[in-house]
């Protein structure tokens, strides 16, 4: 075999290896995003059950409480998004208790609420 054909085979093998590596990296990075969101929404649900359920209906039942809007009705508002909810949760309010929420906890609760949007 000549050196040229050996280089050609090596070059082809390297291209295949790079392509394979790129596909694996893509699947690793972007294939796990849905699972990460699911975990965050699940954490948001747990936190909501602990901190919010005394005043808010956190499930799909919207008329459970009169003191505070249900999460479903909050999610149904067209101008509401997860960033807005998370920011709201982190600011002090006269009508809500100051909750010991981290930014991540507030984002998880916000994601849980937004996922109720129909």
PDB file of N, CA and C in Angstrom:
ATOM      1  N   UNK A   1       0.821  -1.181   0.000  1.00  0.00           N
ATOM      2  CA  UNK A   1       0.000   0.000   0.000  1.00  0.00           C
ATOM      3  C   UNK A   1       0.868   1.249   0.000  1.00  0.00           C
ATOM      4  N   UNK A   2       0.348   2.252  -0.608  1.00  0.00           N
ATOM      5  CA  UNK A   2       1.109   3.490  -0.647  1.00  0.00           C
ATOM      6  C   UNK A   2       0.738   4.369   0.540  1.00  0.00           C
ATOM      7  N   UNK A   3       1.587   5.329   0.765  1.00  0.00           N
ATOM      8  CA  UNK A   3       1.327   6.235   1.883  1.00  0.00           C
ATOM      9  C   UNK A   3       0.061   7.057   1.636  1.00  0.00           C
ATOM     10  N   UNK A   4      -0.178   7.362   0.406  1.00  0.00           N
ATOM     11  CA  UNK A   4      -1.355   8.162   0.067  1.00  0.00           C
ATOM     12  C   UNK A   4      -2.638   7.414   0.406  1.00  0.00           C
ATOM     13  N   UNK A   5      -2.724   6.134   0.094  1.00  0.00           N
ATOM     14  CA  UNK A   5      -3.927   5.366   0.399  1.00  0.00           C
ATOM     15  C   UNK A   5      -4.070   5.155   1.906  1.00  0.00           C
ATOM     16  N   UNK A   6      -2.948   5.052   2.624  1.00  0.00           N
ATOM     17  CA  UNK A   6      -3.014   4.932   4.078  1.00  0.00           C
ATOM     18  C   UNK A   6      -3.544   6.218   4.690  1.00  0.00           C
ATOM     19  N   UNK A   7      -3.086   7.351   4.190  1.00  0.00           N
ATOM     20  CA  UNK A   7      -3.570   8.645   4.692  1.00  0.00           C
ATOM     21  C   UNK A   7      -5.047   8.819   4.375  1.00  0.00           C
ATOM     22  N   UNK A   8      -5.449   8.362   3.224  1.00  0.00           N
ATOM     23  CA  UNK A   8      -6.843   8.468   2.823  1.00  0.00           C
ATOM     24  C   UNK A   8      -7.733   7.643   3.756  1.00  0.00           C
ATOM     25  N   UNK A   9      -7.283   6.442   4.099  1.00  0.00           N
ATOM     26  CA  UNK A   9      -8.039   5.588   5.024  1.00  0.00           C
ATOM     27  C   UNK A   9      -8.086   6.213   6.417  1.00  0.00           C
ATOM     28  N   UNK A  10      -6.946   6.763   6.863  1.00  0.00           N
ATOM     29  CA  UNK A  10      -6.898   7.419   8.176  1.00  0.00           C
ATOM     30  C   UNK A  10      -7.821   8.633   8.197  1.00  0.00           C
ATOM     31  N   UNK A  11      -7.817   9.381   7.116  1.00  0.00           N
ATOM     32  CA  UNK A  11      -8.654  10.571   7.022  1.00  0.00           C
ATOM     33  C   UNK A  11     -10.137  10.193   7.067  1.00  0.00           C
ATOM     34  N   UNK A  12     -10.488   9.145   6.360  1.00  0.00           N
ATOM     35  CA  UNK A  12     -11.877   8.683   6.347  1.00  0.00           C
ATOM     36  C   UNK A  12     -12.274   8.178   7.738  1.00  0.00           C
ATOM     37  N   UNK A  13     -11.412   7.460   8.392  1.00  0.00           N
ATOM     38  CA  UNK A  13     -11.686   6.959   9.739  1.00  0.00           C
ATOM     39  C   UNK A  13     -11.848   8.120  10.718  1.00  0.00           C
ATOM     40  N   UNK A  14     -11.029   9.155  10.573  1.00  0.00           N
ATOM     41  CA  UNK A  14     -11.128  10.324  11.453  1.00  0.00           C
ATOM     42  C   UNK A  14     -12.442  11.063  11.231  1.00  0.00           C
ATOM     43  N   UNK A  15     -12.875  11.193   9.975  1.00  0.00           N
ATOM     44  CA  UNK A  15     -14.154  11.854   9.696  1.00  0.00           C
ATOM     45  C   UNK A  15     -15.304  11.071  10.303  1.00  0.00           C
ATOM     46  N   UNK A  16     -15.260   9.765  10.190  1.00  0.00           N
ATOM     47  CA  UNK A  16     -16.310   8.926  10.770  1.00  0.00           C
ATOM     48  C   UNK A  16     -16.298   9.051  12.289  1.00  0.00           C
ATOM     49  N   UNK A  17     -15.129   9.035  12.878  1.00  0.00           N
ATOM     50  CA  UNK A  17     -15.008   9.182  14.333  1.00  0.00           C
ATOM     51  C   UNK A  17     -15.521  10.546  14.795  1.00  0.00           C
ATOM     52  N   UNK A  18     -15.203  11.599  14.076  1.00  0.00           N
ATOM     53  CA  UNK A  18     -15.682  12.940  14.422  1.00  0.00           C
ATOM     54  C   UNK A  18     -17.198  13.026  14.299  1.00  0.00           C
ATOM     55  N   UNK A  19     -17.747  12.456  13.236  1.00  0.00           N
ATOM     56  CA  UNK A  19     -19.193  12.454  13.047  1.00  0.00           C
ATOM     57  C   UNK A  19     -19.881  11.694  14.175  1.00  0.00           C
ATOM     58  N   UNK A  20     -19.373  10.528  14.488  1.00  0.00           N
ATOM     59  CA  UNK A  20     -19.936   9.711  15.566  1.00  0.00           C
ATOM     60  C   UNK A  20     -19.863  10.459  16.896  1.00  0.00           C
ATOM     61  N   UNK A  21     -18.722  11.075  17.168  1.00  0.00           N
ATOM     62  CA  UNK A  21     -18.541  11.830  18.413  1.00  0.00           C
ATOM     63  C   UNK A  21     -19.503  13.006  18.485  1.00  0.00           C
ATOM     64  N   UNK A  22     -19.703  13.680  17.375  1.00  0.00           N
ATOM     65  CA  UNK A  22     -20.631  14.812  17.332  1.00  0.00           C
ATOM     66  C   UNK A  22     -22.060  14.361  17.619  1.00  0.00           C
ATOM     67  N   UNK A  23     -22.458  13.250  17.044  1.00  0.00           N
ATOM     68  CA  UNK A  23     -23.808  12.726  17.273  1.00  0.00           C
ATOM     69  C   UNK A  23     -23.988  12.344  18.737  1.00  0.00           C
ATOM     70  N   UNK A  24     -23.019  11.659  19.300  1.00  0.00           N
ATOM     71  CA  UNK A  24     -23.095  11.258  20.711  1.00  0.00           C
ATOM     72  C   UNK A  24     -23.156  12.483  21.605  1.00  0.00           C
ATOM     73  N   UNK A  25     -22.332  13.477  21.332  1.00  0.00           N
ATOM     74  CA  UNK A  25     -22.321  14.701  22.125  1.00  0.00           C
ATOM     75  C   UNK A  25     -23.660  15.429  22.011  1.00  0.00           C
ATOM     76  N   UNK A  26     -24.209  15.527  20.818  1.00  0.00           N
ATOM     77  CA  UNK A  26     -25.494  16.176  20.605  1.00  0.00           C
ATOM     78  C   UNK A  26     -26.586  15.473  21.412  1.00  0.00           C
ATOM     79  N   UNK A  27     -26.641  14.155  21.325  1.00  0.00           N
ATOM     80  CA  UNK A  27     -27.662  13.406  22.066  1.00  0.00           C
ATOM     81  C   UNK A  27     -27.478  13.545  23.570  1.00  0.00           C
ATOM     82  N   UNK A  28     -26.231  13.560  24.008  1.00  0.00           N
ATOM     83  CA  UNK A  28     -25.955  13.709  25.439  1.00  0.00           C
ATOM     84  C   UNK A  28     -26.416  15.072  25.940  1.00  0.00           C
ATOM     85  N   UNK A  29     -26.087  16.125  25.183  1.00  0.00           N
ATOM     86  CA  UNK A  29     -26.424  17.472  25.625  1.00  0.00           C
ATOM     87  C   UNK A  29     -27.910  17.781  25.491  1.00  0.00           C
ATOM     88  N   UNK A  30     -28.493  17.455  24.353  1.00  0.00           N
ATOM     89  CA  UNK A  30     -29.862  17.870  24.087  1.00  0.00           C
ATOM     90  C   UNK A  30     -30.892  16.782  24.332  1.00  0.00           C
ATOM     91  N   UNK A  31     -30.485  15.557  24.408  1.00  0.00           N
ATOM     92  CA  UNK A  31     -31.423  14.477  24.697  1.00  0.00           C
ATOM     93  C   UNK A  31     -31.855  14.465  26.146  1.00  0.00           C
ATOM     94  N   UNK A  32     -31.018  14.994  27.038  1.00  0.00           N
ATOM     95  CA  UNK A  32     -31.346  14.996  28.449  1.00  0.00           C
ATOM     96  C   UNK A  32     -32.064  16.242  28.922  1.00  0.00           C
ATOM     97  N   UNK A  33     -32.311  17.202  28.037  1.00  0.00           N
ATOM     98  CA  UNK A  33     -32.956  18.447  28.455  1.00  0.00           C
ATOM     99  C   UNK A  33     -34.378  18.198  28.934  1.00  0.00           C
ATOM    100  N   UNK A  34     -35.135  17.368  28.237  1.00  0.00           N
ATOM    101  CA  UNK A  34     -36.508  17.104  28.666  1.00  0.00           C
ATOM    102  C   UNK A  34     -36.529  16.465  30.043  1.00  0.00           C
ATOM    103  N   UNK A  35     -35.602  15.552  30.302  1.00  0.00           N
ATOM    104  CA  UNK A  35     -35.548  14.927  31.619  1.00  0.00           C
ATOM    105  C   UNK A  35     -35.221  15.956  32.686  1.00  0.00           C
ATOM    106  N   UNK A  36     -34.345  16.897  32.372  1.00  0.00           N
ATOM    107  CA  UNK A  36     -34.002  17.936  33.346  1.00  0.00           C
ATOM    108  C   UNK A  36     -35.213  18.806  33.646  1.00  0.00           C
ATOM    109  N   UNK A  37     -35.996  19.172  32.610  1.00  0.00           N
ATOM    110  CA  UNK A  37     -37.195  19.959  32.848  1.00  0.00           C
ATOM    111  C   UNK A  37     -38.209  19.173  33.661  1.00  0.00           C
ATOM    112  N   UNK A  38     -38.329  17.891  33.373  1.00  0.00           N
ATOM    113  CA  UNK A  38     -39.277  17.066  34.126  1.00  0.00           C
ATOM    114  C   UNK A  38     -38.885  17.027  35.595  1.00  0.00           C
ATOM    115  N   UNK A  39     -37.608  16.906  35.870  1.00  0.00           N
ATOM    116  CA  UNK A  39     -37.163  16.889  37.257  1.00  0.00           C
ATOM    117  C   UNK A  39     -37.454  18.228  37.916  1.00  0.00           C
ATOM    118  N   UNK A  40     -37.236  19.328  37.214  1.00  0.00           N
ATOM    119  CA  UNK A  40     -37.495  20.638  37.775  1.00  0.00           C
ATOM    120  C   UNK A  40     -38.982  20.843  38.043  1.00  0.00           C
ATOM    121  N   UNK A  41     -39.830  20.420  37.117  1.00  0.00           N
ATOM    122  CA  UNK A  41     -41.267  20.551  37.311  1.00  0.00           C
ATOM    123  C   UNK A  41     -41.729  19.670  38.470  1.00  0.00           C
ATOM    124  N   UNK A  42     -41.140  18.503  38.593  1.00  0.00           N
ATOM    125  CA  UNK A  42     -41.493  17.629  39.723  1.00  0.00           C
ATOM    126  C   UNK A  42     -41.074  18.271  41.041  1.00  0.00           C
ATOM    127  N   UNK A  43     -39.907  18.881  41.072  1.00  0.00           N
ATOM    128  CA  UNK A  43     -39.473  19.589  42.268  1.00  0.00           C
ATOM    129  C   UNK A  43     -40.404  20.767  42.535  1.00  0.00           C
ATOM    130  N   UNK A  44     -40.813  21.463  41.488  1.00  0.00           N
ATOM    131  CA  UNK A  44     -41.763  22.564  41.630  1.00  0.00           C
ATOM    132  C   UNK A  44     -43.082  22.104  42.209  1.00  0.00           C
ATOM    133  N   UNK A  45     -43.526  20.926  41.803  1.00  0.00           N
ATOM    134  CA  UNK A  45     -44.769  20.383  42.355  1.00  0.00           C
ATOM    135  C   UNK A  45     -44.596  20.062  43.841  1.00  0.00           C
ATOM    136  N   UNK A  46     -43.476  19.440  44.193  1.00  0.00           N
ATOM    137  CA  UNK A  46     -43.220  19.125  45.612  1.00  0.00           C
ATOM    138  C   UNK A  46     -43.173  20.398  46.454  1.00  0.00           C
ATOM    139  N   UNK A  47     -42.465  21.403  45.958  1.00  0.00           N
ATOM    140  CA  UNK A  47     -42.383  22.669  46.685  1.00  0.00           C
ATOM    141  C   UNK A  47     -43.753  23.342  46.789  1.00  0.00           C
ATOM    142  N   UNK A  48     -44.526  23.275  45.720  1.00  0.00           N
ATOM    143  CA  UNK A  48     -45.865  23.870  45.719  1.00  0.00           C
ATOM    144  C   UNK A  48     -46.769  23.190  46.738  1.00  0.00           C
ATOM    145  N   UNK A  49     -46.687  21.874  46.790  1.00  0.00           N
ATOM    146  CA  UNK A  49     -47.490  21.138  47.772  1.00  0.00           C
ATOM    147  C   UNK A  49     -47.105  21.528  49.195  1.00  0.00           C
ATOM    148  N   UNK A  50     -45.814  21.799  49.390  1.00  0.00           N
ATOM    149  CA  UNK A  50     -45.328  22.151  50.728  1.00  0.00           C
ATOM    150  C   UNK A  50     -45.646  23.600  51.103  1.00  0.00           C
ATOM    151  N   UNK A  51     -45.377  24.549  50.180  1.00  0.00           N
ATOM    152  CA  UNK A  51     -45.444  25.956  50.515  1.00  0.00           C
ATOM    153  C   UNK A  51     -46.699  26.678  50.029  1.00  0.00           C
ATOM    154  N   UNK A  52     -47.329  26.207  48.987  1.00  0.00           N
ATOM    155  CA  UNK A  52     -48.381  26.996  48.339  1.00  0.00           C
ATOM    156  C   UNK A  52     -49.793  26.441  48.519  1.00  0.00           C
ATOM    157  N   UNK A  53     -49.897  25.157  48.812  1.00  0.00           N
ATOM    158  CA  UNK A  53     -51.202  24.500  48.787  1.00  0.00           C
ATOM    159  C   UNK A  53     -52.153  24.957  49.892  1.00  0.00           C
ATOM    160  N   UNK A  54     -51.640  25.644  50.895  1.00  0.00           N
ATOM    161  CA  UNK A  54     -52.522  26.143  51.949  1.00  0.00           C
ATOM    162  C   UNK A  54     -53.459  27.231  51.420  1.00  0.00           C
ATOM    163  N   UNK A  55     -52.977  28.002  50.463  1.00  0.00           N
ATOM    164  CA  UNK A  55     -53.779  29.098  49.911  1.00  0.00           C
ATOM    165  C   UNK A  55     -54.191  28.896  48.458  1.00  0.00           C
ATOM    166  N   UNK A  56     -53.380  28.195  47.676  1.00  0.00           N
ATOM    167  CA  UNK A  56     -53.638  28.011  46.245  1.00  0.00           C
ATOM    168  C   UNK A  56     -54.058  26.576  45.953  1.00  0.00           C
ATOM    169  N   UNK A  57     -54.967  26.421  45.001  1.00  0.00           N
ATOM    170  CA  UNK A  57     -55.240  25.105  44.435  1.00  0.00           C
ATOM    171  C   UNK A  57     -54.119  24.848  43.447  1.00  0.00           C
ATOM    172  N   UNK A  58     -53.314  23.821  43.700  1.00  0.00           N
ATOM    173  CA  UNK A  58     -52.153  23.604  42.833  1.00  0.00           C
ATOM    174  C   UNK A  58     -52.416  22.583  41.740  1.00  0.00           C
ATOM    175  N   UNK A  59     -53.516  21.863  41.833  1.00  0.00           N
ATOM    176  CA  UNK A  59     -53.869  20.903  40.792  1.00  0.00           C
ATOM    177  C   UNK A  59     -54.716  21.567  39.732  1.00  0.00           C
ATOM    178  N   UNK A  60     -55.485  20.774  39.032  1.00  0.00           N
ATOM    179  CA  UNK A  60     -56.323  21.320  37.968  1.00  0.00           C
ATOM    180  C   UNK A  60     -57.643  21.868  38.495  1.00  0.00           C
ATOM    181  N   UNK A  61     -58.017  21.547  39.745  1.00  0.00           N
ATOM    182  CA  UNK A  61     -59.250  22.081  40.318  1.00  0.00           C
ATOM    183  C   UNK A  61     -59.068  23.571  40.589  1.00  0.00           C
ATOM    184  N   UNK A  62     -59.853  24.405  39.906  1.00  0.00           N
ATOM    185  CA  UNK A  62     -59.618  25.842  39.992  1.00  0.00           C
ATOM    186  C   UNK A  62     -60.427  26.542  41.075  1.00  0.00           C
ATOM    187  N   UNK A  63     -61.505  25.963  41.552  1.00  0.00           N
ATOM    188  CA  UNK A  63     -62.363  26.647  42.520  1.00  0.00           C
ATOM    189  C   UNK A  63     -62.209  26.096  43.927  1.00  0.00           C
ATOM    190  N   UNK A  64     -61.081  25.494  44.230  1.00  0.00           N
ATOM    191  CA  UNK A  64     -60.887  24.872  45.535  1.00  0.00           C
ATOM    192  C   UNK A  64     -60.793  25.900  46.657  1.00  0.00           C
ATOM    193  N   UNK A  65     -60.149  27.009  46.393  1.00  0.00           N
ATOM    194  CA  UNK A  65     -59.937  28.041  47.401  1.00  0.00           C
ATOM    195  C   UNK A  65     -60.403  29.398  46.868  1.00  0.00           C
ATOM    196  N   UNK A  66     -60.810  30.257  47.757  1.00  0.00           N
ATOM    197  CA  UNK A  66     -61.189  31.608  47.354  1.00  0.00           C
ATOM    198  C   UNK A  66     -60.118  32.633  47.705  1.00  0.00           C
ATOM    199  N   UNK A  67     -59.187  32.265  48.575  1.00  0.00           N
ATOM    200  CA  UNK A  67     -58.200  33.231  49.057  1.00  0.00           C
ATOM    201  C   UNK A  67     -57.186  33.625  48.003  1.00  0.00           C
ATOM    202  N   UNK A  68     -56.808  32.717  47.161  1.00  0.00           N
ATOM    203  CA  UNK A  68     -55.751  32.986  46.179  1.00  0.00           C
ATOM    204  C   UNK A  68     -56.093  32.289  44.866  1.00  0.00           C
ATOM    205  N   UNK A  69     -55.610  32.827  43.758  1.00  0.00           N
ATOM    206  CA  UNK A  69     -55.902  32.180  42.468  1.00  0.00           C
ATOM    207  C   UNK A  69     -55.245  30.804  42.377  1.00  0.00           C
ATOM    208  N   UNK A  70     -55.916  29.926  41.673  1.00  0.00           N
ATOM    209  CA  UNK A  70     -55.345  28.588  41.472  1.00  0.00           C
ATOM    210  C   UNK A  70     -54.161  28.679  40.511  1.00  0.00           C
ATOM    211  N   UNK A  71     -53.306  27.694  40.576  1.00  0.00           N
ATOM    212  CA  UNK A  71     -52.175  27.658  39.649  1.00  0.00           C
ATOM    213  C   UNK A  71     -52.665  27.536  38.210  1.00  0.00           C
ATOM    214  N   UNK A  72     -53.761  26.797  38.006  1.00  0.00           N
ATOM    215  CA  UNK A  72     -54.298  26.639  36.651  1.00  0.00           C
ATOM    216  C   UNK A  72     -54.769  27.979  36.096  1.00  0.00           C
ATOM    217  N   UNK A  73     -55.393  28.798  36.945  1.00  0.00           N
ATOM    218  CA  UNK A  73     -55.848  30.108  36.453  1.00  0.00           C
ATOM    219  C   UNK A  73     -54.678  31.054  36.211  1.00  0.00           C
ATOM    220  N   UNK A  74     -53.629  30.935  36.997  1.00  0.00           N
ATOM    221  CA  UNK A  74     -52.426  31.736  36.756  1.00  0.00           C
ATOM    222  C   UNK A  74     -51.794  31.335  35.426  1.00  0.00           C
ATOM    223  N   UNK A  75     -51.686  30.031  35.210  1.00  0.00           N
ATOM    224  CA  UNK A  75     -51.085  29.529  33.965  1.00  0.00           C
ATOM    225  C   UNK A  75     -51.908  29.901  32.743  1.00  0.00           C
ATOM    226  N   UNK A  76     -53.216  30.038  32.913  1.00  0.00           N
ATOM    227  CA  UNK A  76     -54.097  30.323  31.783  1.00  0.00           C
ATOM    228  C   UNK A  76     -53.986  31.757  31.283  1.00  0.00           C
ATOM    229  N   UNK A  77     -53.407  32.649  32.082  1.00  0.00           N
ATOM    230  CA  UNK A  77     -53.274  34.038  31.643  1.00  0.00           C
ATOM    231  C   UNK A  77     -52.285  34.108  30.481  1.00  0.00           C
ATOM    232  N   UNK A  78     -52.670  34.734  29.385  1.00  0.00           N
ATOM    233  CA  UNK A  78     -51.812  34.729  28.191  1.00  0.00           C
ATOM    234  C   UNK A  78     -50.493  35.474  28.352  1.00  0.00           C
ATOM    235  N   UNK A  79     -50.422  36.425  29.260  1.00  0.00           N
ATOM    236  CA  UNK A  79     -49.198  37.221  29.403  1.00  0.00           C
ATOM    237  C   UNK A  79     -48.217  36.638  30.411  1.00  0.00           C
ATOM    238  N   UNK A  80     -48.570  35.545  31.047  1.00  0.00           N
ATOM    239  CA  UNK A  80     -47.730  34.945  32.089  1.00  0.00           C
ATOM    240  C   UNK A  80     -46.711  34.001  31.466  1.00  0.00           C
ATOM    241  N   UNK A  81     -45.462  34.092  31.922  1.00  0.00           N
ATOM    242  CA  UNK A  81     -44.453  33.110  31.542  1.00  0.00           C
ATOM    243  C   UNK A  81     -43.655  32.724  32.791  1.00  0.00           C
ATOM    244  N   UNK A  82     -42.788  31.749  32.654  1.00  0.00           N
ATOM    245  CA  UNK A  82     -42.055  31.209  33.803  1.00  0.00           C
ATOM    246  C   UNK A  82     -41.151  32.255  34.448  1.00  0.00           C
ATOM    247  N   UNK A  83     -40.511  33.101  33.659  1.00  0.00           N
ATOM    248  CA  UNK A  83     -39.632  34.137  34.220  1.00  0.00           C
ATOM    249  C   UNK A  83     -40.418  35.120  35.074  1.00  0.00           C
ATOM    250  N   UNK A  84     -41.600  35.489  34.606  1.00  0.00           N
ATOM    251  CA  UNK A  84     -42.434  36.427  35.341  1.00  0.00           C
ATOM    252  C   UNK A  84     -42.875  35.829  36.684  1.00  0.00           C
ATOM    253  N   UNK A  85     -43.265  34.572  36.662  1.00  0.00           N
ATOM    254  CA  UNK A  85     -43.705  33.908  37.891  1.00  0.00           C
ATOM    255  C   UNK A  85     -42.542  33.780  38.869  1.00  0.00           C
ATOM    256  N   UNK A  86     -41.392  33.347  38.383  1.00  0.00           N
ATOM    257  CA  UNK A  86     -40.222  33.174  39.258  1.00  0.00           C
ATOM    258  C   UNK A  86     -39.829  34.503  39.893  1.00  0.00           C
ATOM    259  N   UNK A  87     -39.825  35.565  39.120  1.00  0.00           N
ATOM    260  CA  UNK A  87     -39.488  36.890  39.658  1.00  0.00           C
ATOM    261  C   UNK A  87     -40.507  37.315  40.709  1.00  0.00           C
ATOM    262  N   UNK A  88     -41.774  37.075  40.427  1.00  0.00           N
ATOM    263  CA  UNK A  88     -42.839  37.413  41.373  1.00  0.00           C
ATOM    264  C   UNK A  88     -42.638  36.679  42.694  1.00  0.00           C
ATOM    265  N   UNK A  89     -42.287  35.403  42.620  1.00  0.00           N
ATOM    266  CA  UNK A  89     -42.116  34.603  43.841  1.00  0.00           C
ATOM    267  C   UNK A  89     -40.944  35.086  44.695  1.00  0.00           C
ATOM    268  N   UNK A  90     -39.953  35.672  44.079  1.00  0.00           N
ATOM    269  CA  UNK A  90     -38.762  36.102  44.816  1.00  0.00           C
ATOM    270  C   UNK A  90     -38.903  37.491  45.449  1.00  0.00           C
ATOM    271  N   UNK A  91     -39.916  38.237  45.032  1.00  0.00           N
ATOM    272  CA  UNK A  91     -40.132  39.566  45.591  1.00  0.00           C
ATOM    273  C   UNK A  91     -41.100  39.494  46.774  1.00  0.00           C
ATOM    274  N   UNK A  92     -40.940  40.370  47.765  1.00  0.00           N
ATOM    275  CA  UNK A  92     -41.884  40.379  48.895  1.00  0.00           C
ATOM    276  C   UNK A  92     -43.258  40.898  48.450  1.00  0.00           C
ATOM    277  N   UNK A  93     -44.304  40.341  49.050  1.00  0.00           N
ATOM    278  CA  UNK A  93     -45.678  40.726  48.713  1.00  0.00           C
ATOM    279  C   UNK A  93     -46.479  40.909  49.995  1.00  0.00           C
ATOM    280  N   UNK A  94     -47.402  41.827  49.960  1.00  0.00           N
ATOM    281  CA  UNK A  94     -48.258  42.070  51.123  1.00  0.00           C
ATOM    282  C   UNK A  94     -49.235  40.923  51.338  1.00  0.00           C
ATOM    283  N   UNK A  95     -49.653  40.283  50.260  1.00  0.00           N
ATOM    284  CA  UNK A  95     -50.678  39.238  50.372  1.00  0.00           C
ATOM    285  C   UNK A  95     -50.115  37.834  50.471  1.00  0.00           C
ATOM    286  N   UNK A  96     -48.805  37.701  50.348  1.00  0.00           N
ATOM    287  CA  UNK A  96     -48.186  36.372  50.418  1.00  0.00           C
ATOM    288  C   UNK A  96     -47.115  36.364  51.491  1.00  0.00           C
ATOM    289  N   UNK A  97     -46.928  35.216  52.145  1.00  0.00           N
ATOM    290  CA  UNK A  97     -45.831  35.135  53.114  1.00  0.00           C
ATOM    291  C   UNK A  97     -44.488  35.132  52.394  1.00  0.00           C
ATOM    292  N   UNK A  98     -43.468  35.600  53.083  1.00  0.00           N
ATOM    293  CA  UNK A  98     -42.121  35.527  52.519  1.00  0.00           C
ATOM    294  C   UNK A  98     -41.636  34.090  52.648  1.00  0.00           C
ATOM    295  N   UNK A  99     -41.489  33.437  51.529  1.00  0.00           N
ATOM    296  CA  UNK A  99     -41.099  32.029  51.517  1.00  0.00           C
ATOM    297  C   UNK A  99     -39.589  31.897  51.376  1.00  0.00           C
ATOM    298  N   UNK A 100     -39.012  30.896  52.018  1.00  0.00           N
ATOM    299  CA  UNK A 100     -37.559  30.693  51.901  1.00  0.00           C
ATOM    300  C   UNK A 100     -37.199  29.975  50.599  1.00  0.00           C
ATOM    301  N   UNK A 101     -37.419  30.640  49.485  1.00  0.00           N
ATOM    302  CA  UNK A 101     -37.173  30.032  48.175  1.00  0.00           C
ATOM    303  C   UNK A 101     -35.866  30.535  47.583  1.00  0.00           C
ATOM    304  N   UNK A 102     -35.094  29.618  47.057  1.00  0.00           N
ATOM    305  CA  UNK A 102     -33.924  30.005  46.267  1.00  0.00           C
ATOM    306  C   UNK A 102     -34.417  30.356  44.864  1.00  0.00           C
ATOM    307  N   UNK A 103     -33.539  30.931  44.075  1.00  0.00           N
ATOM    308  CA  UNK A 103     -33.901  31.250  42.685  1.00  0.00           C
ATOM    309  C   UNK A 103     -34.275  29.976  41.933  1.00  0.00           C
ATOM    310  N   UNK A 104     -33.542  28.891  42.152  1.00  0.00           N
ATOM    311  CA  UNK A 104     -33.843  27.625  41.477  1.00  0.00           C
ATOM    312  C   UNK A 104     -35.207  27.095  41.901  1.00  0.00           C
ATOM    313  N   UNK A 105     -35.515  27.183  43.204  1.00  0.00           N
ATOM    314  CA  UNK A 105     -36.830  26.729  43.684  1.00  0.00           C
ATOM    315  C   UNK A 105     -37.948  27.542  43.033  1.00  0.00           C
ATOM    316  N   UNK A 106     -37.767  28.859  42.958  1.00  0.00           N
ATOM    317  CA  UNK A 106     -38.779  29.717  42.330  1.00  0.00           C
ATOM    318  C   UNK A 106     -38.940  29.358  40.854  1.00  0.00           C
ATOM    319  N   UNK A 107     -37.834  29.063  40.172  1.00  0.00           N
ATOM    320  CA  UNK A 107     -37.909  28.670  38.763  1.00  0.00           C
ATOM    321  C   UNK A 107     -38.605  27.317  38.605  1.00  0.00           C
ATOM    322  N   UNK A 108     -38.362  26.408  39.546  1.00  0.00           N
ATOM    323  CA  UNK A 108     -39.016  25.096  39.489  1.00  0.00           C
ATOM    324  C   UNK A 108     -40.527  25.232  39.683  1.00  0.00           C
ATOM    325  N   UNK A 109     -40.935  26.051  40.643  1.00  0.00           N
ATOM    326  CA  UNK A 109     -42.370  26.276  40.866  1.00  0.00           C
ATOM    327  C   UNK A 109     -42.978  26.948  39.641  1.00  0.00           C
ATOM    328  N   UNK A 110     -42.278  27.929  39.090  1.00  0.00           N
ATOM    329  CA  UNK A 110     -42.772  28.624  37.900  1.00  0.00           C
ATOM    330  C   UNK A 110     -42.935  27.655  36.728  1.00  0.00           C
ATOM    331  N   UNK A 111     -41.986  26.771  36.549  1.00  0.00           N
ATOM    332  CA  UNK A 111     -42.083  25.774  35.477  1.00  0.00           C
ATOM    333  C   UNK A 111     -43.275  24.857  35.705  1.00  0.00           C
ATOM    334  N   UNK A 112     -43.474  24.444  36.941  1.00  0.00           N
ATOM    335  CA  UNK A 112     -44.620  23.596  37.274  1.00  0.00           C
ATOM    336  C   UNK A 112     -45.930  24.306  36.927  1.00  0.00           C
ATOM    337  N   UNK A 113     -46.030  25.577  37.247  1.00  0.00           N
ATOM    338  CA  UNK A 113     -47.248  26.339  36.950  1.00  0.00           C
ATOM    339  C   UNK A 113     -47.427  26.493  35.446  1.00  0.00           C
ATOM    340  N   UNK A 114     -46.385  26.869  34.734  1.00  0.00           N
ATOM    341  CA  UNK A 114     -46.485  27.111  33.296  1.00  0.00           C
ATOM    342  C   UNK A 114     -46.846  25.824  32.545  1.00  0.00           C
ATOM    343  N   UNK A 115     -46.407  24.694  33.046  1.00  0.00           N
ATOM    344  CA  UNK A 115     -46.736  23.426  32.365  1.00  0.00           C
ATOM    345  C   UNK A 115     -48.240  23.121  32.409  1.00  0.00           C
ATOM    346  N   UNK A 116     -48.983  23.831  33.255  1.00  0.00           N
ATOM    347  CA  UNK A 116     -50.441  23.649  33.314  1.00  0.00           C
ATOM    348  C   UNK A 116     -51.160  24.391  32.194  1.00  0.00           C
ATOM    349  N   UNK A 117     -50.426  25.254  31.504  1.00  0.00           N
ATOM    350  CA  UNK A 117     -51.022  26.051  30.432  1.00  0.00           C
ATOM    351  C   UNK A 117     -51.616  25.132  29.376  1.00  0.00           C
ATOM    352  N   UNK A 118     -52.836  25.423  28.981  1.00  0.00           N
ATOM    353  CA  UNK A 118     -53.516  24.553  28.005  1.00  0.00           C
ATOM    354  C   UNK A 118     -53.499  25.145  26.641  1.00  0.00           C
TER     355      UNK A 118
END
